[in-house]
């Protein structure tokens, strides 16, 4: 959507396709890390030292990727350390838009304004989340998986809360993340934005095979996906599950079963939602208005009245 720093054409959810007509997600382009001493992280360059008030997080409450970071910010007790802006839920012809005054840091109207400020010649989509450095006026990172881990360890003693990526479970976390991401987190998008029947059916089967596997994983009252320890994998699963019946089941044609038809996953979703502060990161109205504003999928812009989400009050 940005070519050489210029906004071109109208916002379109499908920017790239594979040989089968399948949806291909853009690779994140800003991959620096915040660390306690400002040293480089696993990717990018150094110079981004953890400091209270220096960094600003931009999110959309509709977006599961952005909501990962919002959950981590809450769980790690970083609300007073990292300031926050939220875009409007509806997607416009120029992508994510801010309500007047919603960006006190840069005064942006659209998310793509921030990308151009960070790099006047930037190419690609203007996505959320964005972790912004006020000191150098640039984007630190726009990859949600990175930001989740930055919030977990990058702020050192400024952060509180549980370790979301404990060393003893790291290998198991990585394995389960690698299984869930392409088949469920991105699988619903592969189904919803497929441009051929073959691509849609492959994604559809992936989604429900993974939901079936996760339902089975929560056997004998198992609390979290990796047992008794809540980890980043639970965050990554929850942000898709919490949107499933509202958006993915109908609009994205993932309609074999609802989340409500999975008793263990429904109870699990309610358990995560009831954790302290997590309900504040979930806005069903934004989720519904945002997804149903995608003209490629809902050209008349009609908002459904349902569904009833029993897990919300479970």
Protein backbone atom coordinates (compact mmCIF):
# COMPACT_ATOMS: atom_id res chain seq x y z
CA UNK A 1 0.00 0.00 0.00
CA UNK A 2 3.03 2.27 0.45
CA UNK A 3 5.40 2.44 -2.49
CA UNK A 4 8.47 4.61 -2.04
CA UNK A 5 6.71 6.35 0.82
CA UNK A 6 3.60 7.14 -1.25
CA UNK A 7 0.15 5.77 -0.52
CA UNK A 8 -1.18 4.06 -3.65
CA UNK A 9 -4.63 2.70 -4.56
CA UNK A 10 -7.28 1.72 -2.02
CA UNK A 11 -6.79 -0.56 0.96
CA UNK A 12 -7.14 -4.21 -0.04
CA UNK A 13 -6.82 -7.17 2.36
CA UNK A 14 -5.13 -9.36 -0.26
CA UNK A 15 -1.82 -7.93 -1.42
CA UNK A 16 -0.09 -11.18 -2.37
CA UNK A 17 -1.17 -14.70 -3.39
CA UNK A 18 0.62 -18.00 -3.75
CA UNK A 19 0.41 -20.29 -6.79
CA UNK A 20 -2.83 -21.84 -5.48
CA UNK A 21 -4.52 -18.48 -4.94
CA UNK A 22 -3.86 -18.55 -1.22
CA UNK A 23 -3.50 -15.46 0.97
CA UNK A 24 0.14 -14.54 1.72
CA UNK A 25 0.80 -12.32 4.73
CA UNK A 26 3.35 -9.53 4.47
CA UNK A 27 6.58 -9.94 6.41
CA UNK A 28 7.12 -7.30 9.09
CA UNK A 29 9.82 -4.80 8.17
CA UNK A 30 10.81 -3.10 11.44
CA UNK A 31 12.51 -5.64 13.71
CA UNK A 32 14.50 -3.76 16.35
CA UNK A 33 14.26 -4.74 20.02
CA UNK A 34 14.07 -2.88 23.29
CA UNK A 35 16.49 -4.29 25.85
CA UNK A 36 17.32 -3.32 29.45
CA UNK A 37 20.75 -1.92 28.45
CA UNK A 38 19.99 -0.85 24.88
CA UNK A 39 22.02 -3.61 23.27
CA UNK A 40 20.75 -5.24 20.05
CA UNK A 41 18.19 -7.99 20.34
CA UNK A 42 17.84 -11.10 18.14
CA UNK A 43 17.25 -8.87 15.10
CA UNK A 44 17.85 -5.24 14.22
CA UNK A 45 20.23 -2.75 15.75
CA UNK A 46 20.86 -1.47 19.26
CA UNK A 47 20.15 1.84 20.91
CA UNK A 48 16.63 1.14 22.18
CA UNK A 49 17.10 1.14 25.92
CA UNK A 50 14.21 0.33 28.25
CA UNK A 51 12.91 3.55 29.76
CA UNK A 52 9.57 4.45 31.29
CA UNK A 53 7.57 6.81 29.08
CA UNK A 54 9.86 6.56 26.07
CA UNK A 55 7.81 4.10 24.02
CA UNK A 56 4.30 4.22 22.59
CA UNK A 57 2.18 1.32 21.38
CA UNK A 58 -0.28 1.67 18.49
CA UNK A 59 -3.00 -0.98 18.24
CA UNK A 60 -6.38 -1.79 16.74
CA UNK A 61 -8.81 -3.60 19.03
CA UNK A 62 -10.15 -5.50 16.02
CA UNK A 63 -6.72 -6.97 15.25
CA UNK A 64 -5.59 -10.23 16.90
CA UNK A 65 -1.92 -9.49 16.24
CA UNK A 66 -2.17 -6.11 17.96
CA UNK A 67 -4.20 -7.62 20.79
CA UNK A 68 -1.35 -10.02 21.56
CA UNK A 69 0.77 -7.03 22.49
CA UNK A 70 -2.03 -5.31 24.37
CA UNK A 71 -2.49 -8.44 26.50
CA UNK A 72 1.23 -8.69 27.21
CA UNK A 73 1.38 -5.01 28.16
CA UNK A 74 -1.43 -5.65 30.66
CA UNK A 75 -0.08 -8.92 32.08
CA UNK A 76 3.45 -7.52 32.51
CA UNK A 77 2.19 -4.40 34.27
CA UNK A 78 3.57 -2.02 31.65
CA UNK A 79 0.59 0.34 31.33
CA UNK A 80 2.41 3.13 33.17
CA UNK A 81 5.63 2.47 31.25
CA UNK A 82 4.34 2.29 27.65
CA UNK A 83 1.71 4.76 26.46
CA UNK A 84 -1.04 3.69 24.08
CA UNK A 85 -3.09 4.81 21.08
CA UNK A 86 -5.99 2.90 19.54
CA UNK A 87 -7.15 3.36 15.95
CA UNK A 88 -10.77 3.45 14.86
CA UNK A 89 -12.27 0.00 14.23
CA UNK A 90 -13.40 0.50 10.64
CA UNK A 91 -10.87 0.08 7.86
CA UNK A 92 -10.90 2.98 5.41
CA UNK A 93 -9.61 3.25 1.84
CA UNK A 94 -6.35 4.42 3.43
CA UNK A 95 -6.23 1.68 6.05
CA UNK A 96 -6.22 2.30 9.80
CA UNK A 97 -7.38 5.78 10.84
CA UNK A 98 -7.14 7.69 14.11
CA UNK A 99 -10.02 9.62 15.61
CA UNK A 100 -9.13 13.30 16.20
CA UNK A 101 -6.71 13.52 19.11
CA UNK A 102 -6.19 9.76 19.36
CA UNK A 103 -2.47 10.06 18.54
CA UNK A 104 -1.01 12.57 20.99
CA UNK A 105 2.56 11.52 20.11
CA UNK A 106 2.63 12.20 16.37
CA UNK A 107 -0.76 13.69 15.56
CA UNK A 108 -1.21 11.17 12.75
CA UNK A 109 -4.45 10.81 10.82
CA UNK A 110 -3.64 7.40 9.34
CA UNK A 111 -1.31 4.64 10.41
CA UNK A 112 0.59 5.03 7.14
CA UNK A 113 1.59 8.54 8.29
CA UNK A 114 3.72 6.90 10.99
CA UNK A 115 5.38 4.54 8.56
CA UNK A 116 6.35 7.42 6.31
CA UNK A 117 7.70 9.37 9.26
CA UNK A 118 9.86 6.41 10.27
CA UNK A 119 11.06 5.85 6.69
CA UNK A 120 10.16 8.38 3.94
CA UNK A 121 10.82 5.71 1.29
CA UNK A 122 9.01 2.83 3.01
CA UNK A 123 7.36 0.10 0.98
CA UNK A 124 4.58 -2.23 2.07
CA UNK A 125 1.49 -2.25 4.26
CA UNK A 126 0.90 0.03 7.24
CA UNK A 127 -0.02 -2.58 9.82
CA UNK A 128 -0.63 -2.72 13.56
CA UNK A 129 0.77 -3.19 16.10
CA UNK A 130 3.50 -0.56 16.01
CA UNK A 131 5.93 0.02 18.85
CA UNK A 132 7.18 3.61 18.53
CA UNK A 133 10.24 5.30 20.04
CA UNK A 134 9.44 8.88 21.04
CA UNK A 135 13.12 9.70 21.58
CA UNK A 136 14.24 8.97 18.02
CA UNK A 137 10.83 9.35 16.32
CA UNK A 138 10.85 6.00 14.61
CA UNK A 139 9.26 2.58 14.62
CA UNK A 140 11.09 0.10 16.83
CA UNK A 141 9.14 -2.97 15.79
CA UNK A 142 5.94 -3.89 13.97
CA UNK A 143 6.05 -7.67 14.44
CA UNK A 144 3.60 -8.76 17.13
CA UNK A 145 5.53 -11.92 18.06
CA UNK A 146 8.65 -9.82 18.70
CA UNK A 147 6.77 -7.18 20.67
CA UNK A 148 5.19 -9.85 22.86
CA UNK A 149 8.66 -11.08 23.84
CA UNK A 150 10.03 -7.55 24.17
CA UNK A 151 7.32 -6.84 26.73
CA UNK A 152 8.12 -10.10 28.51
CA UNK A 153 11.85 -9.46 29.08
CA UNK A 154 12.97 -6.28 27.31
CA UNK A 155 11.92 -3.88 30.06
CA UNK A 156 13.78 -5.66 32.84
CA UNK A 157 12.68 -4.50 36.32
CA UNK A 158 10.18 -2.05 34.83
CA UNK A 159 7.97 -5.05 34.02
CA UNK A 160 6.13 -7.23 36.48
CA UNK A 161 3.94 -10.28 36.20
CA UNK A 162 4.67 -13.86 35.18
CA UNK A 163 7.32 -14.99 32.71
CA UNK A 164 5.41 -15.70 29.50
CA UNK A 165 8.33 -17.57 27.91
CA UNK A 166 9.97 -19.61 30.69
CA UNK A 167 13.17 -21.35 29.67
CA UNK A 168 11.93 -24.74 30.85
CA UNK A 169 9.00 -24.56 28.42
CA UNK A 170 10.67 -22.65 25.57
CA UNK A 171 11.01 -25.60 23.21
CA UNK A 172 7.42 -26.70 23.78
CA UNK A 173 6.15 -23.13 23.39
CA UNK A 174 8.00 -22.73 20.08
CA UNK A 175 6.69 -26.05 18.78
CA UNK A 176 3.08 -25.27 19.62
CA UNK A 177 3.36 -21.69 18.32
CA UNK A 178 4.72 -23.05 15.03
CA UNK A 179 1.76 -25.41 14.78
CA UNK A 180 -0.94 -22.89 15.69
CA UNK A 181 0.24 -19.91 13.65
CA UNK A 182 -0.13 -21.17 10.05
CA UNK A 183 -3.17 -23.36 10.66
CA UNK A 184 -5.26 -21.27 13.07
CA UNK A 185 -3.96 -17.73 13.72
CA UNK A 186 -3.25 -17.18 10.04
CA UNK A 187 -5.42 -20.11 8.93
CA UNK A 188 -8.64 -18.14 9.42
CA UNK A 189 -7.22 -15.38 7.20
CA UNK A 190 -6.11 -17.93 4.62
CA UNK A 191 -9.71 -19.14 4.52
CA UNK A 192 -11.34 -15.72 4.56
CA UNK A 193 -9.06 -14.15 1.95
CA UNK A 194 -8.59 -17.18 -0.30
CA UNK A 195 -9.08 -16.42 -3.99
CA UNK A 196 -9.61 -20.02 -5.13
CA UNK A 197 -11.73 -22.90 -3.86
CA UNK A 198 -8.63 -25.06 -3.40
CA UNK A 199 -6.87 -22.50 -1.22
CA UNK A 200 -10.02 -21.98 0.84
CA UNK A 201 -10.59 -25.68 1.44
CA UNK A 202 -7.00 -26.29 2.47
CA UNK A 203 -7.18 -23.45 4.98
CA UNK A 204 -10.61 -24.51 6.21
CA UNK A 205 -9.43 -28.03 7.01
CA UNK A 206 -6.32 -26.66 8.74
CA UNK A 207 -8.42 -24.44 10.99
CA UNK A 208 -10.68 -27.21 12.23
CA UNK A 209 -7.95 -29.81 12.55
CA UNK A 210 -6.16 -27.38 14.87
CA UNK A 211 -9.29 -26.53 16.86
CA UNK A 212 -9.95 -30.26 17.29
CA UNK A 213 -6.36 -30.77 18.46
CA UNK A 214 -6.55 -27.91 20.96
CA UNK A 215 -9.87 -29.20 22.31
CA UNK A 216 -8.26 -32.60 22.85
CA UNK A 217 -5.22 -30.99 24.45
CA UNK A 218 -7.34 -29.52 27.25
CA UNK A 219 -8.04 -32.94 28.72
CA UNK A 220 -8.81 -33.77 32.38
CA UNK A 221 -9.42 -30.15 33.33
CA UNK A 222 -6.06 -28.94 32.02
CA UNK A 223 -6.05 -25.21 32.67
CA UNK A 224 -3.70 -23.86 30.00
CA UNK A 225 -2.33 -25.20 26.73
CA UNK A 226 0.96 -26.16 28.35
CA UNK A 227 -0.48 -27.41 31.61
CA UNK A 228 -0.44 -25.32 34.77
CA UNK A 229 1.63 -22.46 33.34
CA UNK A 230 0.08 -19.57 31.40
CA UNK A 231 2.44 -18.67 28.54
CA UNK A 232 2.61 -16.58 25.38
CA UNK A 233 1.07 -19.54 23.54
CA UNK A 234 -2.16 -18.98 25.46
CA UNK A 235 -2.13 -15.34 24.37
CA UNK A 236 -1.55 -16.33 20.75
CA UNK A 237 -4.40 -18.86 20.82
CA UNK A 238 -6.85 -16.67 22.74
CA UNK A 239 -6.76 -13.71 20.35
CA UNK A 240 -8.04 -15.96 17.54
CA UNK A 241 -10.52 -17.91 19.65
CA UNK A 242 -12.10 -14.76 21.09
CA UNK A 243 -12.88 -13.54 17.55
CA UNK A 244 -13.98 -16.86 16.12
CA UNK A 245 -17.76 -16.85 16.44
CA UNK A 246 -18.05 -13.09 15.88
CA UNK A 247 -16.00 -12.86 12.68
CA UNK A 248 -14.29 -15.97 11.40
CA UNK A 249 -17.23 -18.40 11.56
CA UNK A 250 -19.48 -16.31 9.32
CA UNK A 251 -17.54 -13.64 7.47
CA UNK A 252 -14.43 -15.79 6.90
CA UNK A 253 -16.48 -18.91 6.05
CA UNK A 254 -14.92 -21.03 8.83
CA UNK A 255 -18.34 -22.46 9.50
CA UNK A 256 -17.94 -26.18 10.15
CA UNK A 257 -18.30 -25.56 13.88
CA UNK A 258 -18.44 -22.59 16.23
CA UNK A 259 -16.20 -22.04 19.21
CA UNK A 260 -19.40 -22.61 21.21
CA UNK A 261 -19.41 -26.18 19.87
CA UNK A 262 -16.09 -26.89 21.61
CA UNK A 263 -16.89 -27.13 25.35
CA UNK A 264 -13.27 -27.22 26.54
CA UNK A 265 -12.10 -24.42 24.26
CA UNK A 266 -15.11 -22.31 25.22
CA UNK A 267 -14.32 -22.76 28.92
CA UNK A 268 -10.65 -22.06 28.22
CA UNK A 269 -11.48 -18.85 26.33
CA UNK A 270 -13.65 -17.70 29.24
CA UNK A 271 -10.81 -18.52 31.67
CA UNK A 272 -8.35 -16.34 29.78
CA UNK A 273 -10.92 -13.58 29.39
CA UNK A 274 -11.50 -13.57 33.17
CA UNK A 275 -7.83 -13.09 34.01
CA UNK A 276 -7.24 -9.69 35.65
CA UNK A 277 -7.31 -6.92 33.05
CA UNK A 278 -7.75 -9.12 29.99
CA UNK A 279 -11.40 -8.19 29.41
CA UNK A 280 -10.19 -4.59 28.96
CA UNK A 281 -8.20 -5.71 25.91
CA UNK A 282 -11.24 -7.29 24.21
CA UNK A 283 -13.84 -5.13 22.49
CA UNK A 284 -16.45 -7.20 20.66
CA UNK A 285 -18.03 -4.07 19.17
CA UNK A 286 -14.70 -3.02 17.61
CA UNK A 287 -14.10 -6.59 16.42
CA UNK A 288 -17.47 -6.81 14.71
CA UNK A 289 -17.40 -3.30 13.24
CA UNK A 290 -13.83 -3.74 12.06
CA UNK A 291 -14.12 -7.06 10.29
CA UNK A 292 -17.49 -6.24 8.73
CA UNK A 293 -16.04 -3.00 7.36
CA UNK A 294 -13.84 -5.02 4.97
CA UNK A 295 -15.52 -4.19 1.67
CA UNK A 296 -14.03 -7.17 -0.16
CA UNK A 297 -15.95 -9.46 2.18
CA UNK A 298 -18.98 -7.34 3.07
CA UNK A 299 -19.57 -4.79 0.31
CA UNK A 300 -22.88 -3.51 1.72
CA UNK A 301 -21.41 -2.94 5.18
CA UNK A 302 -24.28 -4.69 7.00
CA UNK A 303 -23.49 -5.53 10.63
CA UNK A 304 -24.91 -8.81 11.94
CA UNK A 305 -26.91 -8.65 15.17
CA UNK A 306 -25.40 -11.84 16.61
CA UNK A 307 -23.89 -14.02 17.72
CA UNK A 308 -24.68 -14.57 21.37
CA UNK A 309 -21.39 -15.26 23.13
CA UNK A 310 -22.18 -17.44 26.10
CA UNK A 311 -18.50 -17.83 27.04
CA UNK A 312 -18.42 -14.10 27.87
CA UNK A 313 -20.64 -14.72 30.87
CA UNK A 314 -19.48 -18.26 31.64
